[in-house]
Structures are given as C-alpha cells and as structure tokens.
Amino acid sequence: MKTIKFFVVLAIITLIFPLAVSAQNSGEKNDTAIEETKKEKQIEKERMIAMGMNMLAMMQKQVVATNDGGVVVLWGNKLLKYDKDLNLLKAVELRTDAVTIQK
C-alpha cells in the first residue's frame, strides 16, 4: 500500500511540476511581449506627434515684406512671391525630408 501511495505521489509530482514551470515561463514571455508592445506603442505615439508637428508647421504661414513693396509668403512647403498689388509673381515648391524617429 505504501508503494502505491509513493508511486501516486511521484506521478503527481512528475506531472504537476513541469506544468507549473511551463506556466511560470509563459508568464515571463507574456511580460516580455507586453513590454515590447508598450515600446512599440510609445514609438508609434512619438511618430504621430512628429507627424502632427510637421503638419502644424505646414499649415502655418510666414509673411516677409520685400524692398519693392511686395511680400514673400512661406506656406507649408511653398514659397510665394507677390508684388505690391498682390499679384502672384512666382510660386515654388520646396523639397521637404520626411521626419523619422528611431529608438
């Protein structure tokens, strides 16, 4: 009878111990996956902020007076030159580089 109890206890330990260890390891893997997901979300958030700031800069206008009475307007990536009667003399598009954030 003692041997049967011994083998039953041994079988239970043999079956339960690996399950407990594997459950603990999967918990650690989940923690790592959660941390990676948090980092990815933070990077995406920073990219969105950078894009928003870039879009805000693109929408703002700056006006500078010229010596001949006209004005030059910087609007986003466009540079516009007007004469003193506000007739458009020339418009050019400036090349912009994409903003990237890397961590």
C-alpha atoms as a PDB file:
ATOM      1  CA  MET A   1       0.000   0.000   0.000  1.00  0.00           C
ATOM      2  CA  LYS A   2       2.868   2.343   0.816  1.00  0.00           C
ATOM      3  CA  THR A   3       4.441   1.701  -2.577  1.00  0.00           C
ATOM      4  CA  ILE A   4       1.225   2.545  -4.377  1.00  0.00           C
ATOM      5  CA  LYS A   5       0.954   5.816  -2.452  1.00  0.00           C
ATOM      6  CA  PHE A   6       4.596   6.536  -3.206  1.00  0.00           C
ATOM      7  CA  PHE A   7       4.088   5.980  -6.944  1.00  0.00           C
ATOM      8  CA  VAL A   8       0.894   8.056  -6.962  1.00  0.00           C
ATOM      9  CA  VAL A   9       2.678  10.945  -5.226  1.00  0.00           C
ATOM     10  CA  LEU A  10       5.655  10.545  -7.560  1.00  0.00           C
ATOM     11  CA  ALA A  11       3.350  10.568 -10.605  1.00  0.00           C
ATOM     12  CA  ILE A  12       1.548  13.665  -9.374  1.00  0.00           C
ATOM     13  CA  ILE A  13       4.826  15.482  -8.742  1.00  0.00           C
ATOM     14  CA  THR A  14       6.165  14.387 -12.118  1.00  0.00           C
ATOM     15  CA  LEU A  15       3.068  15.722 -13.899  1.00  0.00           C
ATOM     16  CA  ILE A  16       2.427  18.894 -11.889  1.00  0.00           C
ATOM     17  CA  PHE A  17       5.997  20.218 -11.623  1.00  0.00           C
ATOM     18  CA  PRO A  18       6.593  20.594 -15.393  1.00  0.00           C
ATOM     19  CA  LEU A  19       3.176  22.237 -15.789  1.00  0.00           C
ATOM     20  CA  ALA A  20       3.968  24.724 -13.030  1.00  0.00           C
ATOM     21  CA  VAL A  21       7.378  25.536 -14.525  1.00  0.00           C
ATOM     22  CA  SER A  22       5.911  25.959 -18.021  1.00  0.00           C
ATOM     23  CA  ALA A  23       3.165  28.234 -16.685  1.00  0.00           C
ATOM     24  CA  GLN A  24       5.777  30.391 -14.950  1.00  0.00           C
ATOM     25  CA  ASN A  25       7.872  30.600 -18.137  1.00  0.00           C
ATOM     26  CA  SER A  26       4.856  31.565 -20.231  1.00  0.00           C
ATOM     27  CA  GLY A  27       4.126  34.322 -17.707  1.00  0.00           C
ATOM     28  CA  GLU A  28       7.644  35.671 -18.225  1.00  0.00           C
ATOM     29  CA  LYS A  29       7.175  35.502 -22.003  1.00  0.00           C
ATOM     30  CA  ASN A  30       3.903  37.393 -21.658  1.00  0.00           C
ATOM     31  CA  ASP A  31       5.657  40.084 -19.606  1.00  0.00           C
ATOM     32  CA  THR A  32       8.296  40.451 -22.323  1.00  0.00           C
ATOM     33  CA  ALA A  33       5.619  40.614 -25.011  1.00  0.00           C
ATOM     34  CA  ILE A  34       3.723  43.241 -23.022  1.00  0.00           C
ATOM     35  CA  GLU A  35       6.883  45.333 -22.627  1.00  0.00           C
ATOM     36  CA  GLU A  36       7.610  45.085 -26.361  1.00  0.00           C
ATOM     37  CA  THR A  37       4.039  46.108 -27.155  1.00  0.00           C
ATOM     38  CA  LYS A  38       4.349  49.107 -24.813  1.00  0.00           C
ATOM     39  CA  LYS A  39       7.599  50.143 -26.520  1.00  0.00           C
ATOM     40  CA  GLU A  40       6.013  49.783 -29.967  1.00  0.00           C
ATOM     41  CA  LYS A  41       3.034  51.887 -28.884  1.00  0.00           C
ATOM     42  CA  GLN A  42       5.368  54.566 -27.461  1.00  0.00           C
ATOM     43  CA  ILE A  43       7.357  54.689 -30.714  1.00  0.00           C
ATOM     44  CA  GLU A  44       4.142  54.947 -32.729  1.00  0.00           C
ATOM     45  CA  LYS A  45       2.912  57.713 -30.434  1.00  0.00           C
ATOM     46  CA  GLU A  46       6.171  59.643 -30.926  1.00  0.00           C
ATOM     47  CA  ARG A  47       5.885  59.230 -34.708  1.00  0.00           C
ATOM     48  CA  MET A  48       2.322  60.538 -34.641  1.00  0.00           C
ATOM     49  CA  ILE A  49       3.398  63.537 -32.556  1.00  0.00           C
ATOM     50  CA  ALA A  50       6.221  64.263 -35.011  1.00  0.00           C
ATOM     51  CA  MET A  51       3.810  63.998 -37.941  1.00  0.00           C
ATOM     52  CA  GLY A  52       1.352  66.303 -36.186  1.00  0.00           C
ATOM     53  CA  MET A  53       4.061  68.870 -35.514  1.00  0.00           C
ATOM     54  CA  ASN A  54       5.149  68.629 -39.149  1.00  0.00           C
ATOM     55  CA  MET A  55       1.555  69.139 -40.310  1.00  0.00           C
ATOM     56  CA  LEU A  56       1.172  72.109 -37.975  1.00  0.00           C
ATOM     57  CA  ALA A  57       4.333  73.646 -39.393  1.00  0.00           C
ATOM     58  CA  MET A  58       2.985  73.033 -42.897  1.00  0.00           C
ATOM     59  CA  MET A  59      -0.233  74.913 -42.128  1.00  0.00           C
ATOM     60  CA  GLN A  60       1.435  77.974 -40.632  1.00  0.00           C
ATOM     61  CA  LYS A  61       2.152  80.947 -42.870  1.00  0.00           C
ATOM     62  CA  GLN A  62       5.022  83.401 -42.625  1.00  0.00           C
ATOM     63  CA  VAL A  63       4.976  86.695 -44.494  1.00  0.00           C
ATOM     64  CA  VAL A  64       8.033  88.860 -45.154  1.00  0.00           C
ATOM     65  CA  ALA A  65       7.928  92.280 -46.830  1.00  0.00           C
ATOM     66  CA  THR A  66      10.300  92.935 -49.745  1.00  0.00           C
ATOM     67  CA  ASN A  67      12.099  96.189 -50.693  1.00  0.00           C
ATOM     68  CA  ASP A  68       9.852  96.727 -53.752  1.00  0.00           C
ATOM     69  CA  GLY A  69       6.644  96.789 -51.663  1.00  0.00           C
ATOM     70  CA  GLY A  70       5.697  93.176 -52.292  1.00  0.00           C
ATOM     71  CA  VAL A  71       5.674  90.229 -49.966  1.00  0.00           C
ATOM     72  CA  VAL A  72       7.080  86.719 -49.845  1.00  0.00           C
ATOM     73  CA  VAL A  73       4.877  84.106 -48.213  1.00  0.00           C
ATOM     74  CA  LEU A  74       6.143  80.806 -46.857  1.00  0.00           C
ATOM     75  CA  TRP A  75       3.161  78.489 -46.598  1.00  0.00           C
ATOM     76  CA  GLY A  76       3.958  74.894 -45.783  1.00  0.00           C
ATOM     77  CA  ASN A  77       6.454  73.770 -48.394  1.00  0.00           C
ATOM     78  CA  LYS A  78       5.504  76.524 -50.875  1.00  0.00           C
ATOM     79  CA  LEU A  79       7.227  79.860 -51.325  1.00  0.00           C
ATOM     80  CA  LEU A  80       5.049  82.527 -52.973  1.00  0.00           C
ATOM     81  CA  LYS A  81       6.193  85.971 -54.142  1.00  0.00           C
ATOM     82  CA  TYR A  82       3.653  88.767 -54.629  1.00  0.00           C
ATOM     83  CA  ASP A  83       4.187  92.272 -55.981  1.00  0.00           C
ATOM     84  CA  LYS A  84       2.923  95.455 -54.274  1.00  0.00           C
ATOM     85  CA  ASP A  85      -0.557  94.948 -55.840  1.00  0.00           C
ATOM     86  CA  LEU A  86      -0.633  91.377 -54.501  1.00  0.00           C
ATOM     87  CA  ASN A  87      -0.341  89.795 -57.932  1.00  0.00           C
ATOM     88  CA  LEU A  88       1.356  86.416 -57.754  1.00  0.00           C
ATOM     89  CA  LEU A  89       4.742  86.715 -59.441  1.00  0.00           C
ATOM     90  CA  LYS A  90       6.217  83.311 -58.712  1.00  0.00           C
ATOM     91  CA  ALA A  91       5.417  80.158 -56.743  1.00  0.00           C
ATOM     92  CA  VAL A  92       7.886  77.393 -55.987  1.00  0.00           C
ATOM     93  CA  GLU A  93       7.566  74.182 -54.024  1.00  0.00           C
ATOM     94  CA  LEU A  94      10.368  73.433 -51.560  1.00  0.00           C
ATOM     95  CA  ARG A  95      11.579  69.882 -51.092  1.00  0.00           C
ATOM     96  CA  THR A  96      10.936  68.511 -47.603  1.00  0.00           C
ATOM     97  CA  ASP A  97      12.517  65.470 -45.976  1.00  0.00           C
ATOM     98  CA  ALA A  98      10.385  63.047 -44.021  1.00  0.00           C
ATOM     99  CA  VAL A  99      10.834  63.092 -40.268  1.00  0.00           C
ATOM    100  CA  THR A 100      11.751  59.717 -38.808  1.00  0.00           C
ATOM    101  CA  ILE A 101      12.126  58.698 -35.210  1.00  0.00           C
ATOM    102  CA  GLN A 102      14.230  55.696 -34.359  1.00  0.00           C
ATOM    103  CA  LYS A 103      14.958  54.245 -30.980  1.00  0.00           C
END
